[in-house]
Amino acid sequence: MVGTIEPRFGAEVYVSEAGKACIRQNQGVEHELVLIFDDDEVDALIDLLKGAKAEIAEDRRVLEENESQ
């Protein structure tokens, strides 16, 4: 394992020794669940997350603006 992001809600995000982005989740089941992303999938996932982050930020801005009026 090369690097990790602090686990949250039972999910651990890390870069494997093979250089693959992985998300591992242990939901108390017998076998842990691991998603392994290829490079092109990582790029698509990053774009998706950036878009989601921008939408969330805009929603918060609008909510705060509406609450202050």
Protein backbone atom coordinates (compact mmCIF):
# COMPACT_ATOMS: atom_id res chain seq x y z
CA MET A 1 0.00 0.00 0.00
CA VAL A 2 1.50 3.30 -1.08
CA GLY A 3 -0.82 5.84 0.54
CA THR A 4 -4.19 6.08 2.22
CA ILE A 5 -6.93 8.56 3.01
CA GLU A 6 -8.23 8.31 6.57
CA PRO A 7 -11.03 5.70 6.67
CA ARG A 8 -14.54 7.06 6.97
CA PHE A 9 -17.78 5.11 7.22
CA GLY A 10 -15.83 1.88 6.89
CA ALA A 11 -14.23 2.85 3.55
CA GLU A 12 -10.50 3.11 2.99
CA VAL A 13 -9.14 4.79 -0.14
CA TYR A 14 -5.57 3.93 -1.08
CA VAL A 15 -3.08 3.46 -3.88
CA SER A 16 -1.94 -0.14 -4.18
CA GLU A 17 1.63 -1.33 -4.63
CA ALA A 18 0.73 -1.83 -8.31
CA GLY A 19 -0.22 1.87 -8.55
CA LYS A 20 -3.97 1.28 -8.76
CA ALA A 21 -6.47 3.50 -6.93
CA CYS A 22 -8.54 1.30 -4.63
CA ILE A 23 -11.48 1.68 -2.30
CA ARG A 24 -11.89 -1.03 0.31
CA GLN A 25 -14.95 -1.34 2.48
CA ASN A 26 -15.63 -3.69 5.34
CA GLN A 27 -19.32 -3.85 6.10
CA GLY A 28 -19.03 -6.69 8.56
CA VAL A 29 -19.43 -9.28 5.83
CA GLU A 30 -17.24 -12.34 5.46
CA HIS A 31 -15.32 -10.92 2.49
CA GLU A 32 -14.14 -7.32 2.26
CA LEU A 33 -15.24 -5.38 -0.79
CA VAL A 34 -12.53 -3.74 -2.94
CA LEU A 35 -13.01 -1.53 -5.97
CA ILE A 36 -9.90 -1.26 -8.16
CA PHE A 37 -9.77 1.56 -10.72
CA ASP A 38 -7.73 1.71 -13.93
CA ASP A 39 -6.03 5.00 -14.83
CA ASP A 40 -8.80 6.17 -17.17
CA GLU A 41 -11.43 5.33 -14.56
CA VAL A 42 -9.50 7.36 -11.97
CA ASP A 43 -9.57 10.39 -14.26
CA ALA A 44 -13.33 9.99 -14.76
CA LEU A 45 -13.87 9.53 -11.02
CA ILE A 46 -11.83 12.65 -10.23
CA ASP A 47 -13.87 14.67 -12.73
CA LEU A 48 -17.10 13.33 -11.24
CA LEU A 49 -16.01 14.18 -7.69
CA LYS A 50 -14.86 17.67 -8.69
CA GLY A 51 -18.25 18.28 -10.31
CA ALA A 52 -20.06 17.00 -7.24
CA LYS A 53 -17.92 19.20 -5.00
CA ALA A 54 -18.71 22.27 -7.10
CA GLU A 55 -22.45 21.49 -7.01
CA ILE A 56 -22.40 21.00 -3.24
CA ALA A 57 -20.52 24.29 -2.76
CA GLU A 58 -23.07 26.12 -4.93
CA ASP A 59 -25.99 24.53 -3.06
CA ARG A 60 -24.46 25.63 0.26
CA ARG A 61 -23.89 29.15 -1.05
CA VAL A 62 -27.51 29.45 -2.20
CA LEU A 63 -28.79 28.02 1.09
CA GLU A 64 -26.70 30.45 3.14
CA GLU A 65 -27.80 33.34 0.93
CA ASN A 66 -31.46 32.39 1.37
CA GLU A 67 -31.09 32.01 5.14
CA SER A 68 -29.52 35.46 5.47
CA GLN A 69 -32.46 37.15 3.69
